[in-house]
């Protein structure tokens, strides 16, 4: 089984730089009533992280960038 490799992206949008990192999905934990989560991209800021979009295997760099900018437009600049 291959180990998960965290990826990072810095996106410059509207004069601001945003740091995103991918994290491995987590299995469900019925004892804590937590659902499983898929591998996802997170916005990193001030030592905290916020879930942004699911990570898609073999997605192109351009498509990742497009989806992250789309998320920024919807959630940060709207």
C-alpha atoms as a PDB file:
ATOM      1  CA  UNK A   1       0.000   0.000   0.000  1.00  0.00           C
ATOM      2  CA  UNK A   2       1.457   3.349  -1.032  1.00  0.00           C
ATOM      3  CA  UNK A   3       1.734   6.076   1.574  1.00  0.00           C
ATOM      4  CA  UNK A   4      -0.316   9.202   1.064  1.00  0.00           C
ATOM      5  CA  UNK A   5       1.721  12.175  -0.142  1.00  0.00           C
ATOM      6  CA  UNK A   6       0.542  15.598   1.012  1.00  0.00           C
ATOM      7  CA  UNK A   7       0.591  18.238  -1.731  1.00  0.00           C
ATOM      8  CA  UNK A   8       0.742  22.018  -1.351  1.00  0.00           C
ATOM      9  CA  UNK A   9      -0.341  24.852  -3.611  1.00  0.00           C
ATOM     10  CA  UNK A  10       0.087  28.604  -3.315  1.00  0.00           C
ATOM     11  CA  UNK A  11      -2.553  30.487  -5.255  1.00  0.00           C
ATOM     12  CA  UNK A  12      -2.166  34.189  -6.028  1.00  0.00           C
ATOM     13  CA  UNK A  13      -5.633  35.621  -6.594  1.00  0.00           C
ATOM     14  CA  UNK A  14      -6.767  39.261  -6.571  1.00  0.00           C
ATOM     15  CA  UNK A  15      -3.426  40.372  -5.144  1.00  0.00           C
ATOM     16  CA  UNK A  16      -3.494  37.942  -2.200  1.00  0.00           C
ATOM     17  CA  UNK A  17      -1.630  34.678  -1.712  1.00  0.00           C
ATOM     18  CA  UNK A  18      -3.512  31.663  -0.366  1.00  0.00           C
ATOM     19  CA  UNK A  19      -1.892  28.467   0.908  1.00  0.00           C
ATOM     20  CA  UNK A  20      -3.675  25.167   0.291  1.00  0.00           C
ATOM     21  CA  UNK A  21      -2.609  21.671   1.353  1.00  0.00           C
ATOM     22  CA  UNK A  22      -4.087  18.260   0.653  1.00  0.00           C
ATOM     23  CA  UNK A  23      -4.747  15.809   3.458  1.00  0.00           C
ATOM     24  CA  UNK A  24      -5.536  12.122   3.457  1.00  0.00           C
ATOM     25  CA  UNK A  25      -9.137  11.068   4.014  1.00  0.00           C
ATOM     26  CA  UNK A  26     -10.214   9.593   7.339  1.00  0.00           C
ATOM     27  CA  UNK A  27     -12.207   6.404   7.898  1.00  0.00           C
ATOM     28  CA  UNK A  28     -15.544   6.566   9.704  1.00  0.00           C
ATOM     29  CA  UNK A  29     -15.528   6.298  13.500  1.00  0.00           C
ATOM     30  CA  UNK A  30     -18.917   4.948  14.641  1.00  0.00           C
ATOM     31  CA  UNK A  31     -17.953   5.285  18.328  1.00  0.00           C
ATOM     32  CA  UNK A  32     -17.644   9.052  17.895  1.00  0.00           C
ATOM     33  CA  UNK A  33     -20.434   9.285  15.287  1.00  0.00           C
ATOM     34  CA  UNK A  34     -17.977  10.621  12.685  1.00  0.00           C
ATOM     35  CA  UNK A  35     -18.540   9.945   8.994  1.00  0.00           C
ATOM     36  CA  UNK A  36     -15.684   9.013   6.667  1.00  0.00           C
ATOM     37  CA  UNK A  37     -14.027  11.885   4.820  1.00  0.00           C
ATOM     38  CA  UNK A  38     -12.372  11.748   1.372  1.00  0.00           C
ATOM     39  CA  UNK A  39      -8.886  13.109   0.654  1.00  0.00           C
ATOM     40  CA  UNK A  40      -9.390  16.873   0.412  1.00  0.00           C
ATOM     41  CA  UNK A  41      -7.777  20.250  -0.148  1.00  0.00           C
ATOM     42  CA  UNK A  42      -7.669  22.590   2.846  1.00  0.00           C
ATOM     43  CA  UNK A  43      -7.031  26.314   3.147  1.00  0.00           C
ATOM     44  CA  UNK A  44      -4.192  26.932   5.616  1.00  0.00           C
ATOM     45  CA  UNK A  45      -4.075  30.235   7.502  1.00  0.00           C
ATOM     46  CA  UNK A  46      -2.840  31.328  10.930  1.00  0.00           C
ATOM     47  CA  UNK A  47      -2.030  27.753  11.945  1.00  0.00           C
ATOM     48  CA  UNK A  48      -5.562  26.517  11.198  1.00  0.00           C
ATOM     49  CA  UNK A  49      -7.075  24.624   8.295  1.00  0.00           C
ATOM     50  CA  UNK A  50     -10.480  24.667   6.664  1.00  0.00           C
ATOM     51  CA  UNK A  51     -11.846  22.008   4.309  1.00  0.00           C
ATOM     52  CA  UNK A  52     -12.220  23.379   0.775  1.00  0.00           C
ATOM     53  CA  UNK A  53     -12.781  20.768  -1.959  1.00  0.00           C
ATOM     54  CA  UNK A  54     -12.351  17.004  -2.357  1.00  0.00           C
ATOM     55  CA  UNK A  55      -9.079  15.900  -3.930  1.00  0.00           C
ATOM     56  CA  UNK A  56      -9.518  14.070  -7.249  1.00  0.00           C
ATOM     57  CA  UNK A  57      -6.920  11.456  -8.229  1.00  0.00           C
ATOM     58  CA  UNK A  58      -4.866  12.278 -11.343  1.00  0.00           C
ATOM     59  CA  UNK A  59      -6.392  15.754 -11.673  1.00  0.00           C
ATOM     60  CA  UNK A  60      -4.269  18.175 -13.734  1.00  0.00           C
ATOM     61  CA  UNK A  61      -2.453  21.123 -12.141  1.00  0.00           C
ATOM     62  CA  UNK A  62      -4.607  23.518 -14.171  1.00  0.00           C
ATOM     63  CA  UNK A  63      -7.849  21.907 -13.010  1.00  0.00           C
ATOM     64  CA  UNK A  64      -6.755  21.975  -9.341  1.00  0.00           C
ATOM     65  CA  UNK A  65      -5.895  25.670  -9.702  1.00  0.00           C
ATOM     66  CA  UNK A  66      -9.219  26.412 -11.414  1.00  0.00           C
ATOM     67  CA  UNK A  67     -11.237  24.652  -8.709  1.00  0.00           C
ATOM     68  CA  UNK A  68      -9.317  26.395  -5.886  1.00  0.00           C
ATOM     69  CA  UNK A  69      -9.853  29.823  -7.495  1.00  0.00           C
ATOM     70  CA  UNK A  70     -13.530  29.000  -7.999  1.00  0.00           C
ATOM     71  CA  UNK A  71     -13.790  28.153  -4.290  1.00  0.00           C
ATOM     72  CA  UNK A  72     -12.045  31.433  -3.359  1.00  0.00           C
ATOM     73  CA  UNK A  73     -14.468  33.408  -5.521  1.00  0.00           C
ATOM     74  CA  UNK A  74     -17.483  31.727  -3.924  1.00  0.00           C
ATOM     75  CA  UNK A  75     -16.338  31.642  -0.295  1.00  0.00           C
ATOM     76  CA  UNK A  76     -13.871  34.486   0.206  1.00  0.00           C
ATOM     77  CA  UNK A  77     -14.657  37.167  -2.357  1.00  0.00           C
ATOM     78  CA  UNK A  78     -18.463  36.965  -2.590  1.00  0.00           C
END
